[in-house]
Amino acid sequence: MIQIGLLMGSFFVSGAGLYYHGFLLHSVAYNPWAPLLSGVALSVIPLALAWRFCARFPRDNIVGVAQKLTGRWLGIMITLPLVLFHLALPWPVFRIAAELLVDVHLNQTPPIVLSTILLAIACWLALMGTEVVTRTNDEHLVIIFPLTVVMFYLSIADIRPELALPLTQFDFSYWGRLDFYASLMVFFGFSLPLFLNDALGHSKKMYWVILAVTIVGALYLLFTLFLIIGTLGMEMASSFEQPLKVKMTTLRQMVFFERVDIFLVLLWMFPTITAMGAMIVTGARAVGQWLNLANYHPVIYVYFVIALLARPWFEAFQHSTQFLRWLGPLWGVFMIATVGLLLILARFRREKTVPSAGTEGE
């Protein structure tokens, strides 16, 4: 479960570098701290439902629970949107990651080539199984988090705290903006235990891991947001799709070796690949469970072919960004609705089967 927790942490690391801050800063005119804290508070709803689901159904996953409660075909229909979200997320994420690599260094390489390579690596990891994905992720995060500390240290001389002010003026229009809800995707890594609960040893440690990862991830987002705003200022930072990338390029003149931004971007790709590999393997396991397959490898092969056929639609960076912008809110809504519905059905069935006191006496 600790490995799954670290894998959830990769969503914060990769999301911060690729889309989170861009969406967040586009959702508010000033004072980005309010939407960040609001997003943390809002993410507690699906987090609490995931927590409750894993406690209510130990050693069973959401696909199996849905079929037990509602029947085979209705169970498939109920969980189908979540499975599709797991399988669809890597497409725009890898296209946006490719744009990051191209802008930083590989400016003669078509982004679609890099996104295809990243997708192929993630599918290869998924073919080797969940344990390989989690173990690979462990090694990457050991490198990433110390480097974040190094990045902060290198940025101290360049940060102007007054750029992060004022803290007392609020713009609550973000509640009506799609970008704000799209940014919440960075918190949805805790959907993984819903699909992997049947492969985990059930213990109270699982709950604390989910909660601890969310808290640490929120602090990580706060930390990186301060780096961006303190260096670029709100007006400049909100004009970029990937403000953290712009922040990293400011380190070029301040370090002891050349092009440290390339080094950081390449390392940022590691947790991105493992996080998306986890999405692919959980989606493929679910489809394999529906079809009663001996293993889910054929599903991944078919998935990769479909991804290649869908490639032209994601070739434009704007298409991928827009797709991701809608995917986040829909994912959150369906997660809350699906898990909430299954918990209600389980409670209703339990109350219906438990005999009353009078009947029991008779």
Protein backbone atom coordinates (compact mmCIF):
# COMPACT_ATOMS: atom_id res chain seq x y z
CA MET A 1 0.00 0.00 0.00
CA ILE A 2 2.93 2.34 0.61
CA GLN A 3 4.00 1.73 -2.99
CA ILE A 4 0.49 2.57 -4.18
CA GLY A 5 0.67 5.71 -2.05
CA LEU A 6 3.92 6.74 -3.72
CA LEU A 7 2.32 6.07 -7.09
CA MET A 8 -0.49 8.42 -6.11
CA GLY A 9 2.23 10.93 -5.25
CA SER A 10 3.43 10.77 -8.86
CA PHE A 11 0.16 12.37 -9.92
CA PHE A 12 1.11 15.48 -7.95
CA VAL A 13 4.65 15.56 -9.33
CA SER A 14 3.72 15.05 -12.99
CA GLY A 15 0.54 17.15 -12.79
CA ALA A 16 2.41 20.10 -11.27
CA GLY A 17 4.84 20.14 -14.17
CA LEU A 18 2.39 19.56 -17.01
CA TYR A 19 -1.04 21.08 -16.44
CA TYR A 20 -2.02 21.88 -12.84
CA HIS A 21 -0.53 25.34 -12.40
CA GLY A 22 -1.53 26.39 -15.91
CA PHE A 23 -5.16 25.51 -15.29
CA LEU A 24 -5.14 26.97 -11.78
CA LEU A 25 -3.60 30.30 -12.75
CA HIS A 26 -5.97 30.66 -15.71
CA SER A 27 -8.96 30.28 -13.37
CA VAL A 28 -8.29 33.38 -11.24
CA ALA A 29 -7.24 36.99 -11.86
CA TYR A 30 -5.17 37.32 -8.65
CA ASN A 31 -4.44 35.53 -5.38
CA PRO A 32 -4.09 31.90 -6.59
CA TRP A 33 -3.84 30.61 -3.01
CA ALA A 34 -7.63 30.66 -2.58
CA PRO A 35 -8.39 28.24 -5.46
CA LEU A 36 -5.52 25.99 -4.39
CA LEU A 37 -6.90 25.64 -0.85
CA SER A 38 -10.45 25.35 -2.20
CA GLY A 39 -9.31 22.54 -4.50
CA VAL A 40 -7.78 20.69 -1.56
CA ALA A 41 -11.04 21.02 0.38
CA LEU A 42 -13.14 19.91 -2.61
CA SER A 43 -10.94 16.87 -3.22
CA VAL A 44 -11.83 15.60 0.25
CA ILE A 45 -15.23 14.47 -1.10
CA PRO A 46 -13.98 11.80 -3.56
CA LEU A 47 -11.09 11.03 -1.21
CA ALA A 48 -13.49 10.23 1.65
CA LEU A 49 -15.64 8.10 -0.64
CA ALA A 50 -12.60 6.15 -1.86
CA TRP A 51 -11.51 5.71 1.76
CA ARG A 52 -14.95 4.41 2.74
CA PHE A 53 -15.21 2.14 -0.30
CA CYS A 54 -11.91 0.40 0.40
CA ALA A 55 -12.94 -0.12 4.05
CA ARG A 56 -16.40 -1.40 3.12
CA PHE A 57 -15.17 -3.89 0.50
CA PRO A 58 -11.77 -5.28 1.58
CA ARG A 59 -10.05 -7.50 -0.97
CA ASP A 60 -12.44 -6.49 -3.75
CA ASN A 61 -12.23 -3.82 -6.45
CA ILE A 62 -14.83 -1.45 -7.83
CA VAL A 63 -15.43 -3.56 -10.96
CA GLY A 64 -16.22 -6.69 -8.96
CA VAL A 65 -18.33 -4.83 -6.40
CA ALA A 66 -20.46 -3.18 -9.09
CA GLN A 67 -21.22 -6.54 -10.71
CA LYS A 68 -22.08 -8.16 -7.38
CA LEU A 69 -24.46 -5.37 -6.41
CA THR A 70 -26.19 -4.71 -9.73
CA GLY A 71 -25.50 -7.67 -12.00
CA ARG A 72 -22.97 -8.21 -14.77
CA TRP A 73 -24.14 -5.84 -17.50
CA LEU A 74 -25.44 -3.04 -15.31
CA GLY A 75 -22.22 -3.25 -13.27
CA ILE A 76 -20.20 -2.80 -16.47
CA MET A 77 -22.27 0.23 -17.48
CA ILE A 78 -21.86 1.83 -14.04
CA THR A 79 -18.06 1.50 -13.96
CA LEU A 80 -17.43 1.99 -17.70
CA PRO A 81 -16.92 5.80 -17.47
CA LEU A 82 -14.22 5.46 -14.79
CA VAL A 83 -12.41 2.78 -16.79
CA LEU A 84 -12.53 4.97 -19.91
CA PHE A 85 -11.09 7.90 -17.92
CA HIS A 86 -8.20 5.70 -16.80
CA LEU A 87 -7.49 4.66 -20.38
CA ALA A 88 -8.01 8.11 -21.93
CA LEU A 89 -5.87 10.19 -19.54
CA PRO A 90 -2.45 9.09 -20.93
CA TRP A 91 -3.23 10.39 -24.44
CA PRO A 92 -3.39 14.14 -23.69
CA VAL A 93 -0.88 13.92 -20.84
CA PHE A 94 1.82 12.40 -23.04
CA ARG A 95 1.12 14.91 -25.81
CA ILE A 96 1.53 17.78 -23.32
CA ALA A 97 4.66 16.13 -21.90
CA ALA A 98 6.09 15.91 -25.43
CA GLU A 99 5.50 19.64 -25.87
CA LEU A 100 7.52 20.25 -22.72
CA LEU A 101 10.45 18.22 -24.06
CA VAL A 102 10.31 19.87 -27.48
CA ASP A 103 10.21 23.41 -26.07
CA VAL A 104 13.12 22.82 -23.72
CA HIS A 105 15.56 21.10 -26.05
CA LEU A 106 14.33 18.81 -28.85
CA ASN A 107 12.92 21.56 -31.04
CA GLN A 108 13.56 19.68 -34.29
CA THR A 109 11.57 16.63 -33.19
CA PRO A 110 7.82 16.40 -33.94
CA PRO A 111 5.99 16.25 -30.58
CA ILE A 112 3.81 13.39 -31.76
CA VAL A 113 6.91 11.19 -32.09
CA LEU A 114 7.87 11.81 -28.46
CA SER A 115 4.31 11.28 -27.21
CA THR A 116 4.17 7.94 -29.05
CA ILE A 117 7.46 6.88 -27.45
CA LEU A 118 6.22 7.85 -23.98
CA LEU A 119 2.97 5.96 -24.54
CA ALA A 120 4.88 2.87 -25.75
CA ILE A 121 7.08 2.89 -22.62
CA ALA A 122 4.02 3.21 -20.35
CA CYS A 123 2.28 0.32 -22.15
CA TRP A 124 5.43 -1.78 -21.84
CA LEU A 125 5.49 -1.16 -18.09
CA ALA A 126 1.79 -2.00 -17.88
CA LEU A 127 2.43 -5.33 -19.63
CA MET A 128 4.85 -6.28 -16.87
CA GLY A 129 2.23 -5.72 -14.19
CA THR A 130 1.27 -3.48 -11.32
CA GLU A 131 4.22 -4.46 -9.14
CA VAL A 132 6.75 -3.47 -11.81
CA VAL A 133 4.99 -0.11 -12.24
CA THR A 134 5.07 0.60 -8.50
CA ARG A 135 8.69 -0.50 -8.01
CA THR A 136 9.83 1.60 -10.97
CA ASN A 137 7.95 4.56 -9.55
CA ASP A 138 9.66 4.17 -6.14
CA GLU A 139 13.09 4.64 -7.69
CA HIS A 140 12.04 7.73 -9.62
CA LEU A 141 10.49 9.52 -6.67
CA VAL A 142 13.62 8.99 -4.60
CA ILE A 143 15.34 11.18 -7.20
CA ILE A 144 12.55 13.69 -7.86
CA PHE A 145 11.83 14.92 -4.34
CA PRO A 146 15.45 15.76 -3.38
CA LEU A 147 15.80 17.58 -6.71
CA THR A 148 12.78 19.70 -5.86
CA VAL A 149 14.57 20.79 -2.70
CA VAL A 150 17.66 21.58 -4.80
CA MET A 151 15.50 23.59 -7.20
CA PHE A 152 14.09 25.61 -4.31
CA TYR A 153 17.57 26.27 -2.95
CA LEU A 154 18.79 27.43 -6.35
CA SER A 155 15.77 29.74 -6.65
CA ILE A 156 16.13 31.56 -3.33
CA ALA A 157 18.11 34.45 -4.77
CA ASP A 158 15.59 34.87 -7.60
CA ILE A 159 12.38 34.86 -5.53
CA ARG A 160 10.62 38.08 -4.56
CA PRO A 161 8.01 37.30 -1.87
CA GLU A 162 6.09 40.52 -2.56
CA LEU A 163 5.01 39.07 -5.92
CA ALA A 164 2.92 36.50 -4.03
CA LEU A 165 0.93 39.26 -2.30
CA PRO A 166 -1.71 40.38 -1.49
CA LEU A 167 -3.04 37.45 0.49
CA THR A 168 -6.16 39.23 1.74
CA GLN A 169 -7.80 40.03 -1.61
CA PHE A 170 -9.92 37.27 -3.08
CA ASP A 171 -11.45 36.63 -6.47
CA PHE A 172 -14.08 33.89 -6.14
CA SER A 173 -14.98 33.80 -9.83
CA TYR A 174 -12.88 30.63 -10.16
CA TRP A 175 -15.83 28.60 -8.81
CA GLY A 176 -17.54 29.16 -12.16
CA ARG A 177 -14.54 28.41 -14.37
CA LEU A 178 -13.80 25.08 -16.00
CA ASP A 179 -10.02 25.44 -15.54
CA PHE A 180 -10.36 25.31 -11.76
CA TYR A 181 -12.18 21.97 -11.83
CA ALA A 182 -9.79 20.65 -14.48
CA SER A 183 -6.87 21.34 -12.13
CA LEU A 184 -8.38 18.97 -9.56
CA MET A 185 -7.26 15.98 -11.65
CA VAL A 186 -3.95 16.18 -9.84
CA PHE A 187 -5.75 14.87 -6.72
CA PHE A 188 -7.45 11.92 -8.41
CA GLY A 189 -4.60 9.46 -8.00
CA PHE A 190 -6.57 7.95 -5.12
CA SER A 191 -8.84 6.35 -7.73
CA LEU A 192 -6.10 3.69 -8.08
CA PRO A 193 -6.99 1.88 -4.81
CA LEU A 194 -10.57 1.56 -6.09
CA PHE A 195 -9.27 -0.66 -8.91
CA LEU A 196 -6.41 -2.33 -7.00
CA ASN A 197 -8.15 -2.99 -3.69
CA ASP A 198 -8.43 -6.70 -4.53
CA ALA A 199 -4.63 -6.92 -4.79
CA LEU A 200 -3.86 -5.13 -1.52
CA GLY A 201 -3.62 -6.38 2.03
CA HIS A 202 -6.42 -4.62 3.86
CA SER A 203 -5.26 -2.63 6.87
CA LYS A 204 -5.78 0.75 8.50
CA LYS A 205 -2.43 1.79 7.07
CA MET A 206 -4.15 2.17 3.71
CA TYR A 207 -6.34 4.99 4.99
CA TRP A 208 -3.45 6.92 6.47
CA VAL A 209 -1.41 6.49 3.30
CA ILE A 210 -4.22 7.97 1.17
CA LEU A 211 -4.64 10.88 3.59
CA ALA A 212 -0.91 11.49 4.03
CA VAL A 213 -0.23 11.48 0.28
CA THR A 214 -3.00 14.02 -0.29
CA ILE A 215 -1.64 16.33 2.42
CA VAL A 216 1.96 16.06 1.20
CA GLY A 217 0.81 16.48 -2.40
CA ALA A 218 -1.09 19.65 -1.51
CA LEU A 219 2.02 21.03 0.19
CA TYR A 220 4.03 20.16 -2.90
CA LEU A 221 1.59 22.11 -5.08
CA LEU A 222 1.75 25.04 -2.66
CA PHE A 223 5.53 24.90 -2.70
CA THR A 224 5.86 24.86 -6.49
CA LEU A 225 3.20 27.56 -6.87
CA PHE A 226 5.25 29.83 -4.60
CA LEU A 227 8.29 29.16 -6.78
CA ILE A 228 6.38 30.22 -9.88
CA ILE A 229 4.62 33.30 -8.49
CA GLY A 230 7.63 34.45 -6.50
CA THR A 231 9.78 34.42 -9.65
CA LEU A 232 7.45 35.34 -12.51
CA GLY A 233 4.62 37.22 -10.84
CA MET A 234 0.94 36.45 -11.25
CA GLU A 235 0.42 38.35 -14.50
CA MET A 236 3.29 36.71 -16.36
CA ALA A 237 2.73 33.22 -14.89
CA SER A 238 -0.95 33.19 -15.90
CA SER A 239 -0.04 33.89 -19.53
CA PHE A 240 1.66 30.49 -19.97
CA GLU A 241 0.15 27.02 -20.39
CA GLN A 242 3.04 25.46 -18.44
CA PRO A 243 4.36 28.13 -16.03
CA LEU A 244 6.57 25.66 -14.15
CA LYS A 245 8.50 25.05 -17.37
CA VAL A 246 9.13 28.79 -17.67
CA LYS A 247 10.21 28.87 -14.04
CA MET A 248 12.75 26.10 -14.64
CA THR A 249 14.32 27.96 -17.55
CA THR A 250 15.19 30.83 -15.16
CA LEU A 251 17.65 28.50 -13.44
CA ARG A 252 20.01 28.38 -16.41
CA GLN A 253 22.09 31.33 -15.28
CA MET A 254 22.23 30.35 -11.62
CA VAL A 255 23.66 26.85 -11.41
CA PHE A 256 26.98 25.08 -11.62
CA PHE A 257 26.23 23.03 -14.75
CA GLU A 258 24.63 23.93 -18.06
CA ARG A 259 20.99 23.47 -18.97
CA VAL A 260 19.78 22.16 -15.60
CA ASP A 261 16.24 22.70 -16.92
CA ILE A 262 16.72 19.82 -19.38
CA PHE A 263 17.87 17.58 -16.56
CA LEU A 264 14.82 18.45 -14.45
CA VAL A 265 12.39 17.98 -17.34
CA LEU A 266 13.78 14.55 -18.18
CA LEU A 267 13.47 13.49 -14.55
CA TRP A 268 9.92 14.86 -14.54
CA MET A 269 9.06 12.38 -17.28
CA PHE A 270 9.74 9.39 -15.02
CA PRO A 271 6.83 9.83 -12.57
CA THR A 272 4.65 10.90 -15.51
CA ILE A 273 5.30 7.59 -17.29
CA THR A 274 4.76 5.47 -14.18
CA ALA A 275 1.58 7.34 -13.19
CA MET A 276 0.14 6.88 -16.68
CA GLY A 277 1.35 3.27 -16.74
CA ALA A 278 -0.72 2.73 -13.59
CA MET A 279 -3.77 4.22 -15.32
CA ILE A 280 -3.29 1.88 -18.29
CA VAL A 281 -2.78 -1.25 -16.19
CA THR A 282 -5.82 -0.56 -13.99
CA GLY A 283 -8.02 0.14 -17.01
CA ALA A 284 -6.76 -2.98 -18.78
CA ARG A 285 -7.29 -5.13 -15.67
CA ALA A 286 -10.89 -3.90 -15.47
CA VAL A 287 -11.60 -4.76 -19.13
CA GLY A 288 -9.95 -8.15 -18.65
CA GLN A 289 -12.14 -8.74 -15.60
CA TRP A 290 -15.27 -7.89 -17.61
CA LEU A 291 -14.27 -10.28 -20.42
CA ASN A 292 -13.10 -13.03 -18.03
CA LEU A 293 -9.66 -13.07 -19.67
CA ALA A 294 -6.83 -15.14 -18.20
CA ASN A 295 -4.63 -12.03 -18.37
CA TYR A 296 -5.09 -8.47 -19.58
CA HIS A 297 -2.13 -8.30 -21.99
CA PRO A 298 -4.32 -8.48 -25.14
CA VAL A 299 -6.26 -5.46 -23.84
CA ILE A 300 -3.06 -3.40 -23.65
CA TYR A 301 -2.06 -4.37 -27.20
CA VAL A 302 -5.48 -3.33 -28.51
CA TYR A 303 -5.32 -0.15 -26.43
CA PHE A 304 -1.96 0.83 -27.95
CA VAL A 305 -3.29 0.30 -31.50
CA ILE A 306 -6.38 2.42 -30.75
CA ALA A 307 -4.14 5.13 -29.29
CA LEU A 308 -2.11 5.18 -32.51
CA LEU A 309 -5.27 5.44 -34.61
CA ALA A 310 -6.52 8.32 -32.43
CA ARG A 311 -3.15 10.08 -32.67
CA PRO A 312 -4.15 12.67 -35.32
CA TRP A 313 -6.77 14.16 -33.02
CA PHE A 314 -4.20 14.74 -30.26
CA GLU A 315 -1.50 16.00 -32.60
CA ALA A 316 -2.49 19.61 -31.95
CA PHE A 317 -1.40 20.80 -28.51
CA GLN A 318 -4.60 22.84 -28.15
CA HIS A 319 -6.75 19.74 -28.73
CA SER A 320 -4.97 17.81 -26.00
CA THR A 321 -5.20 20.71 -23.56
CA GLN A 322 -8.91 21.18 -24.25
CA PHE A 323 -9.56 17.44 -23.92
CA LEU A 324 -7.76 17.42 -20.57
CA ARG A 325 -9.69 20.51 -19.48
CA TRP A 326 -12.99 18.61 -19.84
CA LEU A 327 -11.67 15.26 -18.68
CA GLY A 328 -10.85 16.47 -15.16
CA PRO A 329 -14.30 17.73 -14.10
CA LEU A 330 -16.08 14.75 -15.70
CA TRP A 331 -13.72 12.31 -14.00
CA GLY A 332 -14.41 13.86 -10.60
CA VAL A 333 -18.19 13.89 -11.12
CA PHE A 334 -18.31 10.27 -12.27
CA MET A 335 -16.01 9.12 -9.47
CA ILE A 336 -18.21 10.73 -6.81
CA ALA A 337 -21.43 9.47 -8.44
CA THR A 338 -20.19 5.91 -9.03
CA VAL A 339 -18.61 5.30 -5.64
CA GLY A 340 -21.47 7.06 -3.84
CA LEU A 341 -24.06 4.98 -5.69
CA LEU A 342 -22.30 1.70 -4.90
CA LEU A 343 -22.02 2.59 -1.21
CA ILE A 344 -25.73 3.47 -1.08
CA LEU A 345 -26.67 0.21 -2.83
CA ALA A 346 -24.48 -1.78 -0.45
CA ARG A 347 -26.07 -0.13 2.58
CA PHE A 348 -29.57 -0.64 1.20
CA ARG A 349 -28.91 -4.31 0.53
CA ARG A 350 -27.44 -4.84 4.00
CA GLU A 351 -30.43 -3.19 5.68
CA LYS A 352 -32.77 -5.27 3.56
CA THR A 353 -31.11 -8.58 4.49
CA VAL A 354 -30.61 -7.91 8.22
CA PRO A 355 -33.74 -9.21 10.06
CA SER A 356 -35.62 -6.95 12.43
CA ALA A 357 -35.68 -7.63 16.17
CA GLY A 358 -39.25 -8.99 16.05
CA THR A 359 -38.56 -11.36 13.20
CA GLU A 360 -35.38 -12.58 14.85
CA GLY A 361 -37.31 -13.32 18.05
CA GLU A 362 -39.91 -15.31 16.18
